[in-house]
Amino acid sequence: MGVRRYLLRVLIAGDQMINALLGGDPDETVSDALYRHQTEGKRWACVLCRFFDNFERDHCRKSWLRGIKRMQDALAASDQL
């Protein structure tokens, strides 16, 4: 595993830890949770997702989709055991 991939995994783990410390699902990043709350119509999540859009367009939705992919990959890997 390359250094870049390793660092990305560490950042994702930290993000998931922050979400868990805030009372969220430990398998979700903060952005994943924000997108889910946004789709439920939570106004505060909409505001925060718009803030993250300044850094990456449609960040929360893209993060949620990447989270889905991570879960699918983990399930596929566990099926191979």
N, C-alpha and C. Protein backbone atom coordinates (compact mmCIF):
# COMPACT_ATOMS: atom_id res chain seq x y z
N MET A 1 0.85 -1.17 0.00
CA MET A 1 0.00 0.00 0.00
C MET A 1 0.90 1.24 0.00
N GLY A 2 0.57 2.18 -0.88
CA GLY A 2 1.36 3.39 -0.97
C GLY A 2 1.08 4.36 0.17
N VAL A 3 1.96 5.32 0.32
CA VAL A 3 1.84 6.31 1.38
C VAL A 3 0.56 7.12 1.23
N ARG A 4 0.23 7.50 0.01
CA ARG A 4 -0.96 8.32 -0.22
C ARG A 4 -2.23 7.57 0.20
N ARG A 5 -2.32 6.31 -0.18
CA ARG A 5 -3.49 5.49 0.19
C ARG A 5 -3.57 5.31 1.71
N TYR A 6 -2.42 5.11 2.33
CA TYR A 6 -2.36 4.97 3.78
C TYR A 6 -2.87 6.24 4.47
N LEU A 7 -2.39 7.38 4.03
CA LEU A 7 -2.80 8.65 4.63
C LEU A 7 -4.30 8.90 4.43
N LEU A 8 -4.82 8.55 3.27
CA LEU A 8 -6.25 8.69 3.02
C LEU A 8 -7.05 7.83 4.00
N ARG A 9 -6.60 6.62 4.22
CA ARG A 9 -7.29 5.73 5.16
C ARG A 9 -7.24 6.28 6.58
N VAL A 10 -6.12 6.86 6.97
CA VAL A 10 -6.00 7.45 8.30
C VAL A 10 -6.94 8.64 8.44
N LEU A 11 -7.03 9.47 7.41
CA LEU A 11 -7.94 10.62 7.44
C LEU A 11 -9.40 10.17 7.52
N ILE A 12 -9.76 9.15 6.77
CA ILE A 12 -11.13 8.64 6.82
C ILE A 12 -11.43 8.08 8.21
N ALA A 13 -10.49 7.36 8.79
CA ALA A 13 -10.69 6.81 10.13
C ALA A 13 -10.88 7.94 11.15
N GLY A 14 -10.09 8.99 11.02
CA GLY A 14 -10.25 10.15 11.92
C GLY A 14 -11.60 10.82 11.75
N ASP A 15 -12.03 10.94 10.51
CA ASP A 15 -13.33 11.53 10.21
C ASP A 15 -14.46 10.69 10.82
N GLN A 16 -14.34 9.37 10.70
CA GLN A 16 -15.34 8.47 11.29
C GLN A 16 -15.33 8.57 12.81
N MET A 17 -14.14 8.73 13.39
CA MET A 17 -14.04 8.86 14.84
C MET A 17 -14.74 10.14 15.31
N ILE A 18 -14.53 11.23 14.58
CA ILE A 18 -15.20 12.49 14.94
C ILE A 18 -16.71 12.31 14.87
N ASN A 19 -17.20 11.65 13.82
CA ASN A 19 -18.63 11.42 13.69
C ASN A 19 -19.14 10.59 14.87
N ALA A 20 -18.39 9.56 15.26
CA ALA A 20 -18.80 8.72 16.40
C ALA A 20 -18.80 9.52 17.70
N LEU A 21 -17.80 10.37 17.88
CA LEU A 21 -17.74 11.20 19.09
C LEU A 21 -18.92 12.18 19.16
N LEU A 22 -19.43 12.56 17.99
CA LEU A 22 -20.59 13.46 17.93
C LEU A 22 -21.91 12.70 18.06
N GLY A 23 -21.82 11.38 18.29
CA GLY A 23 -23.01 10.57 18.48
C GLY A 23 -23.52 9.88 17.24
N GLY A 24 -22.75 9.95 16.16
CA GLY A 24 -23.16 9.34 14.90
C GLY A 24 -22.68 7.91 14.74
N ASP A 25 -22.98 7.35 13.61
CA ASP A 25 -22.58 5.98 13.27
C ASP A 25 -21.07 5.95 13.07
N PRO A 26 -20.36 5.07 13.77
CA PRO A 26 -18.90 5.03 13.65
C PRO A 26 -18.41 4.57 12.27
N ASP A 27 -19.30 4.04 11.44
CA ASP A 27 -18.91 3.63 10.10
C ASP A 27 -19.16 4.72 9.05
N GLU A 28 -19.66 5.87 9.50
CA GLU A 28 -19.94 6.99 8.59
C GLU A 28 -18.96 8.12 8.85
N THR A 29 -18.60 8.84 7.80
CA THR A 29 -17.85 10.07 7.99
C THR A 29 -18.84 11.18 8.31
N VAL A 30 -18.33 12.31 8.75
CA VAL A 30 -19.20 13.46 9.05
C VAL A 30 -19.98 13.86 7.80
N SER A 31 -19.31 13.91 6.66
CA SER A 31 -19.98 14.31 5.41
C SER A 31 -21.04 13.32 4.99
N ASP A 32 -20.78 12.02 5.18
CA ASP A 32 -21.80 11.00 4.88
C ASP A 32 -23.06 11.27 5.70
N ALA A 33 -22.86 11.50 7.00
CA ALA A 33 -23.99 11.74 7.90
C ALA A 33 -24.72 13.03 7.51
N LEU A 34 -23.96 14.06 7.15
CA LEU A 34 -24.59 15.31 6.74
C LEU A 34 -25.49 15.11 5.53
N TYR A 35 -25.00 14.36 4.55
CA TYR A 35 -25.82 14.12 3.35
C TYR A 35 -27.09 13.36 3.72
N ARG A 36 -26.96 12.34 4.56
CA ARG A 36 -28.13 11.56 4.97
C ARG A 36 -29.15 12.46 5.68
N HIS A 37 -28.65 13.32 6.57
CA HIS A 37 -29.55 14.25 7.27
C HIS A 37 -30.15 15.27 6.30
N GLN A 38 -29.38 15.69 5.31
CA GLN A 38 -29.87 16.62 4.30
C GLN A 38 -31.04 16.00 3.53
N THR A 39 -30.91 14.72 3.17
CA THR A 39 -31.98 14.05 2.43
C THR A 39 -33.23 13.87 3.29
N GLU A 40 -33.04 13.91 4.61
CA GLU A 40 -34.18 13.84 5.54
C GLU A 40 -34.80 15.21 5.78
N GLY A 41 -34.23 16.24 5.13
CA GLY A 41 -34.78 17.58 5.22
C GLY A 41 -34.29 18.41 6.39
N LYS A 42 -33.22 17.98 7.04
CA LYS A 42 -32.68 18.75 8.17
C LYS A 42 -31.98 20.00 7.64
N ARG A 43 -32.49 21.15 8.00
CA ARG A 43 -31.97 22.41 7.48
C ARG A 43 -30.50 22.65 7.86
N TRP A 44 -30.14 22.30 9.10
CA TRP A 44 -28.77 22.52 9.54
C TRP A 44 -27.78 21.71 8.70
N ALA A 45 -28.20 20.52 8.26
CA ALA A 45 -27.33 19.70 7.41
C ALA A 45 -27.19 20.33 6.03
N CYS A 46 -28.27 20.93 5.53
CA CYS A 46 -28.20 21.61 4.23
C CYS A 46 -27.20 22.75 4.28
N VAL A 47 -27.23 23.51 5.37
CA VAL A 47 -26.30 24.64 5.52
C VAL A 47 -24.86 24.14 5.57
N LEU A 48 -24.60 23.10 6.34
CA LEU A 48 -23.23 22.58 6.44
C LEU A 48 -22.76 21.97 5.12
N CYS A 49 -23.64 21.28 4.40
CA CYS A 49 -23.26 20.73 3.10
C CYS A 49 -22.92 21.85 2.12
N ARG A 50 -23.67 22.93 2.17
CA ARG A 50 -23.34 24.07 1.29
C ARG A 50 -21.98 24.65 1.64
N PHE A 51 -21.63 24.65 2.93
CA PHE A 51 -20.30 25.11 3.34
C PHE A 51 -19.23 24.21 2.72
N PHE A 52 -19.41 22.89 2.81
CA PHE A 52 -18.43 21.97 2.24
C PHE A 52 -18.35 22.06 0.72
N ASP A 53 -19.42 22.52 0.08
CA ASP A 53 -19.40 22.71 -1.37
C ASP A 53 -18.35 23.73 -1.80
N ASN A 54 -17.92 24.61 -0.88
CA ASN A 54 -16.86 25.57 -1.19
C ASN A 54 -15.53 24.87 -1.45
N PHE A 55 -15.37 23.67 -0.92
CA PHE A 55 -14.11 22.94 -1.07
C PHE A 55 -14.18 21.89 -2.18
N GLU A 56 -15.34 21.30 -2.35
CA GLU A 56 -15.56 20.31 -3.41
C GLU A 56 -17.04 20.38 -3.77
N ARG A 57 -17.32 20.58 -5.03
CA ARG A 57 -18.71 20.66 -5.46
C ARG A 57 -19.46 19.37 -5.12
N ASP A 58 -20.61 19.51 -4.49
CA ASP A 58 -21.47 18.38 -4.12
C ASP A 58 -20.73 17.39 -3.21
N HIS A 59 -19.92 17.95 -2.29
CA HIS A 59 -19.04 17.13 -1.45
C HIS A 59 -19.79 16.09 -0.63
N CYS A 60 -20.85 16.46 0.05
CA CYS A 60 -21.53 15.53 0.95
C CYS A 60 -22.12 14.34 0.19
N ARG A 61 -22.74 14.60 -0.96
CA ARG A 61 -23.30 13.50 -1.75
C ARG A 61 -22.19 12.59 -2.26
N LYS A 62 -21.10 13.19 -2.76
CA LYS A 62 -19.97 12.39 -3.25
C LYS A 62 -19.36 11.56 -2.12
N SER A 63 -19.26 12.15 -0.94
CA SER A 63 -18.73 11.43 0.21
C SER A 63 -19.63 10.26 0.58
N TRP A 64 -20.94 10.48 0.55
CA TRP A 64 -21.90 9.42 0.85
C TRP A 64 -21.75 8.28 -0.16
N LEU A 65 -21.62 8.62 -1.44
CA LEU A 65 -21.44 7.60 -2.48
C LEU A 65 -20.14 6.83 -2.27
N ARG A 66 -19.06 7.54 -1.89
CA ARG A 66 -17.79 6.86 -1.61
C ARG A 66 -17.93 5.94 -0.40
N GLY A 67 -18.72 6.36 0.59
CA GLY A 67 -18.97 5.53 1.76
C GLY A 67 -19.70 4.25 1.39
N ILE A 68 -20.68 4.37 0.51
CA ILE A 68 -21.40 3.19 0.02
C ILE A 68 -20.42 2.23 -0.66
N LYS A 69 -19.54 2.78 -1.48
CA LYS A 69 -18.54 1.97 -2.19
C LYS A 69 -17.60 1.29 -1.20
N ARG A 70 -17.17 2.02 -0.15
CA ARG A 70 -16.29 1.42 0.86
C ARG A 70 -16.99 0.24 1.54
N MET A 71 -18.27 0.40 1.86
CA MET A 71 -19.01 -0.68 2.51
C MET A 71 -19.16 -1.89 1.59
N GLN A 72 -19.44 -1.63 0.31
CA GLN A 72 -19.57 -2.72 -0.66
C GLN A 72 -18.24 -3.47 -0.81
N ASP A 73 -17.15 -2.72 -0.87
CA ASP A 73 -15.83 -3.34 -0.98
C ASP A 73 -15.51 -4.18 0.25
N ALA A 74 -15.86 -3.68 1.43
CA ALA A 74 -15.60 -4.42 2.67
C ALA A 74 -16.42 -5.71 2.71
N LEU A 75 -17.67 -5.63 2.27
CA LEU A 75 -18.51 -6.82 2.23
C LEU A 75 -17.96 -7.85 1.25
N ALA A 76 -17.52 -7.37 0.09
CA ALA A 76 -16.96 -8.27 -0.92
C ALA A 76 -15.70 -8.94 -0.39
N ALA A 77 -14.87 -8.18 0.31
CA ALA A 77 -13.63 -8.74 0.87
C ALA A 77 -13.94 -9.78 1.95
N SER A 78 -14.97 -9.53 2.75
CA SER A 78 -15.31 -10.50 3.80
C SER A 78 -15.90 -11.76 3.22
N ASP A 79 -16.56 -11.65 2.07
CA ASP A 79 -17.11 -12.84 1.40
C ASP A 79 -16.01 -13.75 0.88
N GLN A 80 -14.82 -13.18 0.63
CA GLN A 80 -13.72 -13.96 0.09
C GLN A 80 -12.95 -14.71 1.16
N LEU A 81 -13.27 -14.44 2.43
CA LEU A 81 -12.55 -15.12 3.53
C LEU A 81 -12.99 -16.54 3.70
